[in-house]
Amino acid sequence: MSEPIGTEGLEGEDVVAGVPFSVLSKTVAIDILVHGARSRAQLTKSMGLSAATLTRLVKPLLEAGVLVETDPIRRPGRGRASLALDVVADSYRFVGVKLTTDSIYAVVTDLRSQVLETHVRPVPSLEAADVVEAVGEIVAELRSRTDRPLDAVGVTVGGAVDAGEIVADSPFMHWHDVALKALLSKRLDIPVHLDNDVVGLTQAQHWFGYGRGCADFALFTVGAGIGYGLVLNNEMIPTGVLPVSHLPIDPSGPLCHLGHRGCTTAYLTSNAVTSAVSAVFGRSVGYDEVVSLAAAGEPVARRVVDEAAGALGQAAAAITSLTGVRRIILSGEGIHLAVTARQALEDGLNRYAGPRGSRTELVIRPMDFLEWARGAATIAIQGEFPCPPATRRPASS
């Protein structure tokens, strides 16, 4: 059960899509969005509110069409069934866009981030203007495929994003201080939300995925780079990825591109894994081939993949030790090594554990780039909700 929420701030208002809602009204709406239909009795109990207060909070949400009354929820015993409150997820349409150096991945989702349409196209170039134009064309294409107006667009990119406005540094896109939100807003005619890609994926897991219902968890991604997201007490914690991506693993290990010896980047990134095997084979070996060779028992590939999985286990144990979170979701395009070398992963997890063993719960969930695009859609959902569907918004919004 969630912690009771006090009534402080009841009179404070936020304006969402032109509609004023109190802070607690928004909290009620988000609770229902994330956890599903709830009766008034369930809400008063879980949120520590009186029935009269809940009625005041829910009324504007019902009037705006954010919430609706649905089929009754029957309670244990002989008491009357009570009408449930829920959102109408299918009344909304959000676009999520994940930018990579090779392709642009896009999805259309409903309010609960269920994917309804997908679109993938190559990146025309890494020039920001070309990428913005391509995103505009993709949004137009997706708009033509849906029977409802679009509510908002979320865009995520690997790298540092300042205040949801500027891509301060994206080593993958080779961007520095690009005012991407302003460029996209000028190109598109609907609200735009911008954030880091790992933030988007973490938020998607928090509200709609493998972290739903967990007040505390971490996300650790492995691929071209290393990503790290942290949720404590149901709040996304700003994290600098650099300390985790260069966490010391073995002082006698390989060098990373920044000259750190034996850090997580030196062991875990796809380039580190393929370079180590390619150097021995005398030819270029792709990541999927390395993992396949390791699974088949080829000794060089097996050694490299085992060492990478062991480093991943040590990094996960360190996150638990430093933050207290037990559930760590492992994902990213390179996370297949954790499945292939599961024993090495467990050995790394327990390398410095006490006599009772590791307290970390690992959840290994490979996710493709369309799932990262779903994370971008979640950023848009979080930025807009609770708002009425686009069809019911005031004309000025």
Protein backbone atom coordinates (compact mmCIF):
# COMPACT_ATOMS: atom_id res chain seq x y z
CA MET A 1 0.00 0.00 0.00
CA SER A 2 1.28 3.45 -0.83
CA GLU A 3 2.17 5.89 1.90
CA PRO A 4 -0.74 8.14 2.93
CA ILE A 5 -0.64 11.54 1.29
CA GLY A 6 -1.55 14.55 3.41
CA THR A 7 -3.85 17.33 2.36
CA GLU A 8 -1.17 20.02 2.33
CA GLY A 9 -1.21 21.95 -0.93
CA LEU A 10 -4.86 21.19 -1.61
CA GLU A 11 -5.51 24.78 -2.60
CA GLY A 12 -2.45 25.04 -4.82
CA GLU A 13 -3.18 24.72 -8.52
CA ASP A 14 -1.27 23.69 -11.60
CA VAL A 15 -2.63 24.51 -15.05
CA VAL A 16 -2.38 21.53 -17.39
CA ALA A 17 -3.37 22.05 -21.02
CA GLY A 18 -5.37 25.10 -19.99
CA VAL A 19 -7.24 23.27 -17.22
CA PRO A 20 -6.51 24.07 -13.54
CA PHE A 21 -6.14 21.08 -11.20
CA SER A 22 -4.99 21.02 -7.59
CA VAL A 23 -1.77 19.19 -6.81
CA LEU A 24 -3.72 16.49 -4.99
CA SER A 25 -6.18 16.11 -7.87
CA LYS A 26 -3.19 15.40 -10.10
CA THR A 27 -1.90 12.88 -7.57
CA VAL A 28 -5.22 11.04 -7.61
CA ALA A 29 -5.32 11.00 -11.41
CA ILE A 30 -1.75 9.69 -11.68
CA ASP A 31 -2.44 6.98 -9.11
CA ILE A 32 -5.36 5.73 -11.22
CA LEU A 33 -3.39 6.00 -14.47
CA VAL A 34 -0.49 3.94 -13.13
CA HIS A 35 -2.32 1.39 -10.98
CA GLY A 36 -5.59 1.00 -12.86
CA ALA A 37 -9.24 1.51 -11.97
CA ARG A 38 -9.80 2.25 -8.28
CA SER A 39 -12.91 2.65 -6.19
CA ARG A 40 -13.33 5.73 -4.05
CA ALA A 41 -12.96 3.54 -0.95
CA GLN A 42 -9.64 2.19 -2.22
CA LEU A 43 -8.39 5.70 -2.96
CA THR A 44 -9.37 7.16 0.41
CA LYS A 45 -7.64 4.28 2.18
CA SER A 46 -4.44 4.24 0.12
CA MET A 47 -4.04 8.03 0.04
CA GLY A 48 -5.14 8.83 3.58
CA LEU A 49 -7.94 11.15 2.46
CA SER A 50 -11.47 11.64 3.73
CA ALA A 51 -14.39 10.76 1.46
CA ALA A 52 -15.41 14.44 1.28
CA THR A 53 -11.90 15.54 0.29
CA LEU A 54 -11.67 12.87 -2.40
CA THR A 55 -15.02 13.98 -3.81
CA ARG A 56 -13.72 17.55 -4.15
CA LEU A 57 -10.54 16.34 -5.80
CA VAL A 58 -12.24 14.03 -8.28
CA LYS A 59 -15.02 16.40 -9.39
CA PRO A 60 -12.93 18.60 -11.74
CA LEU A 61 -11.25 15.51 -13.19
CA LEU A 62 -14.63 13.98 -14.04
CA GLU A 63 -15.93 17.25 -15.48
CA ALA A 64 -12.85 17.61 -17.71
CA GLY A 65 -13.07 14.03 -18.96
CA VAL A 66 -9.74 13.05 -17.41
CA LEU A 67 -11.50 10.42 -15.28
CA VAL A 68 -14.70 8.48 -15.87
CA GLU A 69 -16.85 6.19 -13.74
CA THR A 70 -16.66 2.61 -14.94
CA ASP A 71 -18.01 -0.79 -13.95
CA PRO A 72 -18.54 -1.32 -10.22
CA ILE A 73 -15.81 -2.96 -8.14
CA ARG A 74 -17.30 -5.58 -5.83
CA ARG A 75 -15.73 -5.62 -2.39
CA PRO A 76 -15.33 -8.73 -0.19
CA GLY A 77 -18.31 -9.42 2.03
CA ARG A 78 -21.90 -8.36 1.54
CA GLY A 79 -21.35 -4.64 1.00
CA ARG A 80 -22.51 -2.81 -2.10
CA ALA A 81 -20.27 -2.69 -5.13
CA SER A 82 -18.91 0.79 -5.79
CA LEU A 83 -18.28 2.52 -9.11
CA ALA A 84 -14.64 2.53 -10.13
CA LEU A 85 -12.75 5.57 -11.37
CA ASP A 86 -10.50 5.14 -14.37
CA VAL A 87 -8.89 6.96 -17.27
CA VAL A 88 -10.00 6.38 -20.86
CA ALA A 89 -6.57 5.45 -22.17
CA ASP A 90 -7.71 5.00 -25.76
CA SER A 91 -8.90 8.62 -25.96
CA TYR A 92 -5.26 9.80 -26.08
CA ARG A 93 -2.47 9.51 -28.61
CA PHE A 94 1.19 10.24 -27.86
CA VAL A 95 4.21 9.92 -30.14
CA GLY A 96 7.55 8.78 -28.76
CA VAL A 97 10.77 9.26 -30.75
CA LYS A 98 14.15 7.75 -29.89
CA LEU A 99 17.12 9.19 -31.81
CA THR A 100 20.17 7.06 -32.61
CA THR A 101 23.12 7.61 -34.92
CA ASP A 102 21.71 5.13 -37.45
CA SER A 103 17.92 5.31 -37.24
CA ILE A 104 14.96 7.18 -35.80
CA TYR A 105 12.57 4.92 -33.90
CA ALA A 106 9.02 6.14 -33.31
CA VAL A 107 5.83 4.80 -31.76
CA VAL A 108 2.27 5.95 -31.18
CA THR A 109 0.84 5.00 -27.79
CA ASP A 110 -2.29 5.49 -25.78
CA LEU A 111 -2.33 7.09 -22.35
CA ARG A 112 -1.00 3.92 -20.66
CA SER A 113 1.86 3.72 -23.15
CA GLN A 114 0.46 0.76 -25.05
CA VAL A 115 2.10 0.80 -28.49
CA LEU A 116 -0.41 1.21 -31.32
CA GLU A 117 1.81 2.11 -34.29
CA THR A 118 5.54 1.99 -35.03
CA HIS A 119 7.83 3.63 -37.57
CA VAL A 120 11.57 3.30 -38.21
CA ARG A 121 13.61 5.23 -40.74
CA PRO A 122 17.33 5.85 -41.29
CA VAL A 123 18.82 9.08 -39.97
CA PRO A 124 19.34 11.35 -42.99
CA SER A 125 22.42 12.91 -41.39
CA LEU A 126 23.57 14.00 -37.95
CA GLU A 127 22.84 17.63 -38.72
CA ALA A 128 20.24 18.80 -36.21
CA ALA A 129 18.14 20.51 -38.91
CA ASP A 130 17.96 17.30 -40.95
CA VAL A 131 17.00 15.25 -37.90
CA VAL A 132 14.27 17.74 -36.95
CA GLU A 133 12.84 17.63 -40.47
CA ALA A 134 12.86 13.82 -40.42
CA VAL A 135 11.06 13.79 -37.05
CA GLY A 136 8.46 16.17 -38.49
CA GLU A 137 7.86 13.84 -41.43
CA ILE A 138 7.59 10.82 -39.12
CA VAL A 139 5.05 12.58 -36.90
CA ALA A 140 3.01 13.49 -39.97
CA GLU A 141 3.11 9.88 -41.16
CA LEU A 142 2.03 8.53 -37.77
CA ARG A 143 -0.70 11.16 -37.50
CA SER A 144 -2.15 9.88 -40.78
CA ARG A 145 -2.37 6.37 -39.34
CA THR A 146 -4.35 7.19 -36.20
CA ASP A 147 -8.01 8.00 -35.84
CA ARG A 148 -7.47 10.46 -32.98
CA PRO A 149 -5.60 13.79 -32.78
CA LEU A 150 -2.11 13.65 -31.31
CA ASP A 151 -1.75 15.00 -27.76
CA ALA A 152 2.03 15.47 -27.58
CA VAL A 153 5.41 14.24 -28.79
CA GLY A 154 8.25 13.00 -26.59
CA VAL A 155 11.81 12.84 -27.95
CA THR A 156 14.80 11.23 -26.23
CA VAL A 157 18.47 11.18 -27.09
CA GLY A 158 21.60 9.72 -25.56
CA GLY A 159 23.57 12.39 -23.74
CA ALA A 160 23.12 15.30 -21.37
CA VAL A 161 19.83 17.21 -21.73
CA ASP A 162 19.48 20.52 -19.86
CA ALA A 163 16.07 21.46 -18.43
CA GLY A 164 14.21 19.53 -21.11
CA GLU A 165 15.27 22.14 -23.65
CA ILE A 166 18.85 21.76 -24.85
CA VAL A 167 20.99 18.78 -25.79
CA ALA A 168 24.08 19.98 -23.97
CA ASP A 169 26.27 17.09 -25.06
CA SER A 170 25.47 13.97 -27.09
CA PRO A 171 28.62 12.05 -27.98
CA PHE A 172 26.58 9.67 -30.14
CA MET A 173 24.91 12.40 -32.23
CA HIS A 174 27.98 14.69 -32.02
CA TRP A 175 25.78 17.51 -30.74
CA HIS A 176 26.76 20.26 -28.32
CA ASP A 177 24.37 22.92 -27.01
CA VAL A 178 21.65 22.16 -29.55
CA ALA A 179 18.32 23.83 -28.67
CA LEU A 180 16.45 20.76 -29.87
CA LYS A 181 13.12 21.40 -28.16
CA ALA A 182 12.82 24.86 -29.72
CA LEU A 183 13.68 23.47 -33.15
CA LEU A 184 11.14 20.66 -32.82
CA SER A 185 8.44 22.97 -31.45
CA LYS A 186 8.88 25.25 -34.44
CA ARG A 187 8.52 22.28 -36.81
CA LEU A 188 5.59 20.60 -35.04
CA ASP A 189 2.19 21.97 -34.09
CA ILE A 190 1.71 19.97 -30.87
CA PRO A 191 3.48 20.05 -27.47
CA VAL A 192 7.03 18.67 -27.44
CA HIS A 193 8.89 17.12 -24.49
CA LEU A 194 12.62 16.36 -24.56
CA ASP A 195 14.78 14.26 -22.23
CA ASN A 196 17.67 11.84 -21.95
CA ASP A 197 16.92 8.38 -23.34
CA VAL A 198 17.74 6.48 -20.14
CA VAL A 199 15.46 8.82 -18.17
CA GLY A 200 12.66 7.99 -20.60
CA LEU A 201 13.24 4.24 -20.38
CA THR A 202 13.40 4.40 -16.58
CA GLN A 203 10.17 6.39 -16.36
CA ALA A 204 8.44 3.92 -18.69
CA GLN A 205 9.48 1.06 -16.42
CA HIS A 206 8.40 3.03 -13.34
CA TRP A 207 4.87 3.83 -14.52
CA PHE A 208 4.10 1.04 -16.97
CA GLY A 209 6.81 -1.63 -16.88
CA TYR A 210 8.99 -3.82 -14.71
CA GLY A 211 9.39 -1.15 -12.03
CA ARG A 212 5.66 -0.46 -11.62
CA GLY A 213 4.67 -0.83 -7.99
CA CYS A 214 8.30 -0.55 -6.83
CA ALA A 215 9.05 2.56 -4.79
CA ASP A 216 12.79 1.96 -5.26
CA PHE A 217 14.63 0.42 -8.22
CA ALA A 218 17.45 1.07 -10.65
CA LEU A 219 17.85 0.58 -14.39
CA PHE A 220 21.24 -0.33 -15.82
CA THR A 221 21.64 -0.48 -19.60
CA VAL A 222 24.47 -1.90 -21.66
CA GLY A 223 25.16 -1.27 -25.34
CA ALA A 224 27.06 1.40 -27.26
CA GLY A 225 27.29 3.16 -23.89
CA ILE A 226 26.24 2.54 -20.32
CA GLY A 227 23.05 4.00 -18.90
CA TYR A 228 21.86 4.34 -15.32
CA GLY A 229 18.49 5.41 -13.98
CA LEU A 230 17.47 5.52 -10.31
CA VAL A 231 14.06 5.74 -8.63
CA LEU A 232 13.86 6.27 -4.85
CA ASN A 233 10.60 6.68 -2.95
CA ASN A 234 8.75 6.79 -6.29
CA GLU A 235 10.82 9.76 -7.49
CA MET A 236 13.26 9.80 -10.39
CA ILE A 237 16.64 10.83 -8.97
CA PRO A 238 18.93 12.90 -11.21
CA THR A 239 22.07 10.86 -11.72
CA GLY A 240 25.32 11.58 -13.48
CA VAL A 241 26.03 8.46 -15.51
CA LEU A 242 29.80 9.05 -15.62
CA PRO A 243 30.60 7.62 -12.15
CA VAL A 244 28.70 4.41 -12.94
CA SER A 245 29.94 4.05 -16.51
CA HIS A 246 33.51 4.28 -15.25
CA LEU A 247 33.10 2.42 -11.97
CA PRO A 248 36.40 0.63 -11.14
CA ILE A 249 36.14 -3.15 -11.58
CA ASP A 250 39.73 -4.44 -11.87
CA PRO A 251 42.83 -2.19 -11.57
CA SER A 252 44.71 -4.51 -13.92
CA GLY A 253 41.93 -4.66 -16.51
CA PRO A 254 41.76 -3.16 -20.02
CA LEU A 255 41.81 0.56 -20.76
CA CYS A 256 38.72 2.52 -21.75
CA HIS A 257 38.73 5.43 -24.22
CA LEU A 258 39.28 7.89 -21.34
CA GLY A 259 42.33 6.02 -20.09
CA HIS A 260 40.67 4.42 -17.06
CA ARG A 261 41.94 0.93 -16.44
CA GLY A 262 39.46 -1.83 -15.72
CA CYS A 263 36.29 0.29 -15.45
CA THR A 264 32.78 -0.77 -16.47
CA THR A 265 33.10 0.92 -19.87
CA ALA A 266 36.34 -0.95 -20.55
CA TYR A 267 34.53 -4.25 -20.01
CA LEU A 268 30.88 -3.75 -20.90
CA THR A 269 30.29 -1.55 -23.93
CA SER A 270 29.68 -3.28 -27.24
CA ASN A 271 32.84 -1.70 -28.67
CA ALA A 272 34.92 -3.01 -25.75
CA VAL A 273 33.58 -6.53 -26.21
CA THR A 274 33.99 -6.65 -29.99
CA SER A 275 37.41 -4.98 -29.97
CA ALA A 276 38.81 -7.53 -27.51
CA VAL A 277 37.69 -10.47 -29.64
CA SER A 278 38.54 -8.86 -32.98
CA ALA A 279 42.11 -8.18 -31.81
CA VAL A 280 42.67 -11.91 -31.22
CA PHE A 281 40.84 -13.12 -34.33
CA GLY A 282 42.60 -10.64 -36.60
CA ARG A 283 39.31 -9.60 -38.21
CA SER A 284 36.25 -7.54 -37.35
CA VAL A 285 33.78 -9.49 -35.22
CA GLY A 286 30.32 -8.12 -34.55
CA TYR A 287 28.64 -8.08 -31.15
CA ASP A 288 26.01 -10.69 -31.95
CA GLU A 289 28.70 -12.98 -33.34
CA VAL A 290 30.78 -12.62 -30.17
CA VAL A 291 27.81 -13.59 -27.99
CA SER A 292 26.97 -16.53 -30.27
CA LEU A 293 30.58 -17.75 -30.22
CA ALA A 294 30.62 -17.47 -26.44
CA ALA A 295 27.41 -19.50 -26.17
CA ALA A 296 29.00 -22.16 -28.40
CA GLY A 297 32.05 -22.35 -26.12
CA GLU A 298 34.66 -20.62 -28.28
CA PRO A 299 37.35 -19.89 -25.63
CA VAL A 300 38.30 -16.30 -26.53
CA ALA A 301 34.73 -15.08 -26.91
CA ARG A 302 33.73 -17.02 -23.78
CA ARG A 303 36.46 -15.37 -21.73
CA VAL A 304 35.57 -11.87 -22.93
CA VAL A 305 31.82 -12.33 -22.38
CA ASP A 306 32.35 -13.91 -18.94
CA GLU A 307 34.56 -11.01 -17.86
CA ALA A 308 31.98 -8.51 -19.11
CA ALA A 309 29.15 -10.30 -17.27
CA GLY A 310 31.24 -10.45 -14.12
CA ALA A 311 31.85 -6.69 -14.35
CA LEU A 312 28.10 -6.18 -14.78
CA GLY A 313 27.42 -8.20 -11.64
CA GLN A 314 29.95 -6.17 -9.65
CA ALA A 315 28.43 -2.92 -10.89
CA ALA A 316 24.93 -4.06 -9.90
CA ALA A 317 26.16 -5.02 -6.42
CA ALA A 318 27.80 -1.61 -6.06
CA ILE A 319 24.55 0.16 -6.99
CA THR A 320 22.69 -1.76 -4.28
CA SER A 321 25.41 -0.98 -1.74
CA LEU A 322 25.47 2.73 -2.56
CA THR A 323 21.73 3.37 -2.96
CA GLY A 324 19.97 0.64 -0.99
CA VAL A 325 17.81 -0.44 -3.95
CA ARG A 326 17.41 -4.16 -4.39
CA ARG A 327 15.64 -4.45 -7.72
CA ILE A 328 17.90 -3.64 -10.67
CA ILE A 329 16.53 -3.95 -14.19
CA LEU A 330 19.25 -4.91 -16.67
CA SER A 331 18.57 -3.95 -20.27
CA GLY A 332 20.00 -2.36 -23.39
CA GLU A 333 20.92 -3.76 -26.79
CA GLY A 334 23.97 -5.50 -25.29
CA ILE A 335 22.32 -7.18 -22.31
CA HIS A 336 22.20 -10.60 -24.03
CA LEU A 337 25.64 -11.27 -22.56
CA ALA A 338 23.98 -11.46 -19.13
CA VAL A 339 21.87 -14.39 -20.33
CA THR A 340 24.74 -16.15 -22.08
CA ALA A 341 27.07 -15.76 -19.08
CA ARG A 342 24.55 -15.94 -16.21
CA GLN A 343 26.92 -17.77 -13.88
CA ALA A 344 29.66 -15.18 -14.40
CA LEU A 345 27.05 -12.49 -13.72
CA GLU A 346 26.10 -14.15 -10.42
CA ASP A 347 29.76 -14.61 -9.49
CA GLY A 348 30.39 -10.90 -10.02
CA LEU A 349 27.29 -10.02 -8.02
CA ASN A 350 28.54 -12.05 -5.06
CA ARG A 351 32.26 -11.31 -5.37
CA TYR A 352 32.31 -8.94 -2.42
CA ALA A 353 29.07 -9.99 -0.75
CA GLY A 354 28.94 -10.86 2.93
CA PRO A 355 28.19 -14.32 4.33
CA ARG A 356 24.47 -13.91 3.60
CA GLY A 357 25.12 -13.30 -0.09
CA SER A 358 23.95 -10.49 -2.34
CA ARG A 359 20.73 -8.59 -1.57
CA THR A 360 20.31 -7.55 -5.21
CA GLU A 361 17.37 -8.78 -7.28
CA LEU A 362 18.32 -8.75 -10.95
CA VAL A 363 15.60 -8.49 -13.59
CA ILE A 364 17.06 -9.14 -17.06
CA ARG A 365 14.82 -7.69 -19.76
CA PRO A 366 16.22 -7.12 -23.26
CA MET A 367 14.45 -4.13 -24.84
CA ASP A 368 14.76 -3.00 -28.43
CA PHE A 369 14.87 0.62 -29.58
CA LEU A 370 11.11 0.73 -30.05
CA GLU A 371 10.84 0.17 -26.30
CA TRP A 372 13.16 3.16 -25.84
CA ALA A 373 10.77 5.11 -28.10
CA ARG A 374 7.98 4.04 -25.76
CA GLY A 375 10.06 5.64 -23.02
CA ALA A 376 10.02 8.88 -25.01
CA ALA A 377 6.23 8.63 -25.24
CA THR A 378 6.12 8.19 -21.46
CA ILE A 379 8.05 11.46 -21.06
CA ALA A 380 5.30 13.16 -23.08
CA ILE A 381 2.57 11.45 -21.04
CA GLN A 382 4.16 12.57 -17.78
CA GLY A 383 4.60 16.09 -19.11
CA GLU A 384 0.96 16.44 -20.16
CA PHE A 385 -1.12 14.38 -17.73
CA PRO A 386 -3.58 14.99 -16.19
CA CYS A 387 -4.90 16.74 -19.24
CA PRO A 388 -8.16 16.17 -21.07
CA PRO A 389 -7.82 14.34 -24.37
CA ALA A 390 -6.97 16.67 -27.26
CA THR A 391 -10.57 16.45 -28.46
CA ARG A 392 -11.83 18.00 -25.18
CA ARG A 393 -9.22 20.68 -24.54
CA PRO A 394 -10.02 24.38 -24.54
CA ALA A 395 -9.52 25.93 -27.96
CA SER A 396 -6.72 28.17 -26.63
CA SER A 397 -4.46 25.22 -25.59
